[in-house]
């Protein structure tokens, strides 16, 4: 088996529990390797650190599978880890029917994401090594959770392209099915496998449910970057008088309409197809005000080198959002950029509030992703979602 020597910084991170090694942390590769091969990882002094997949063509060069020399990386290992990951969600966290079943490195299955939506599992692979086991993984998912009858391969996006993998959307195993309806708090949602990511953003589940307690009859709510209406539908179901849902995707807005009809709140919804910035700028010109404004944009920072530019984009969208919140209203703002930590996110929001002439009070503890997207304490890469619930007041 080929070996990989890593530098001191990468070695220390792995000894603390890190599951990935970036290319800059690799000193040399000993032996011939192909993308997706299993390799052993050592310190410069020859200490064994672990075993994992290698992809010399990727910035994430090593994805660690095990720290035990005797562990064999095969389908039997993956079957057991998928079983344990599912059991953790059901027995410890109490999830049922709709939840993230496998969350990559946090479940010691790097490069693998599995979301369960009733009898459909959405499988997403972002590792050449995991790709070799694709059918075995699908079989293991169905074996771990007998209620799953369809495994839909949702293999699209930047992570696939970065690994040099083809983009594929299809039923990989089981019945031909791509739609279902899930329940979340007081709301119901249609999940369509033809949507973004794994079909539905489960990571904001607890944050969407938390919004319900702040909604009062008569409120006007603005949900920007609504996608299929997650926050918007919760606001309407909780009693808001008018909810404005904004997204640049016509397909997404059609899904919001379907979800509104499903929940019986279509008469209190307004839909806008358009890009967030010009839509909000036009609202500001008309001096529109809302009791609650929700900002849940896509990741503006994909790479560390984009941090400054991405934070400027977050600043601009939050500055606009703050101008649309009534004094005494609520701003719910989020970032799913892994490279933006909570402190940087808070600092950005504070700066936007200062420019907008607003004081902010924290309504909720700092919120992050739902617990079925577990944060591995030694791996900062598993913690990415930040969400703030803020009470907005004009500067006195």
Foldseek 3Di string as FASTA:
>chain_A
DKEWEFEPVQLVLLVLPAFWDFPVGTPDIGDDDAFQDKYWYAYPVGHTRAIATAHNQFRRGTGGQGRDPPDDPDLVVLLVLLLVQQCCCCVVVNDDQWFWSDAAVVSSNHQWTWIGHFQEIEIEGLGPNVVVCVVSNVVSNCVSPVRHFWYWYQYDDDSNVSSVHDGDTATPGGDGDFWDWDDAQLFIAIFGCPFPDRRDPQFCRVVLNVVLVVADAAFEEEEEQCQLNSNQLSNQLSHYQAYEYEEQDPVRQVSVCVRCVVSVRNVRYHYDHDHQLVVLVVCVVVQAAGQEYEADDAALDPDLVCVVVSLVVLLSNLLSRLSRYDAQHKYKYKHQALNQDPVNNVVSNVVSCVVSQKDKDFPDPWDFTDCSLPDDVSYSSSTGMTITIIGIHGHD
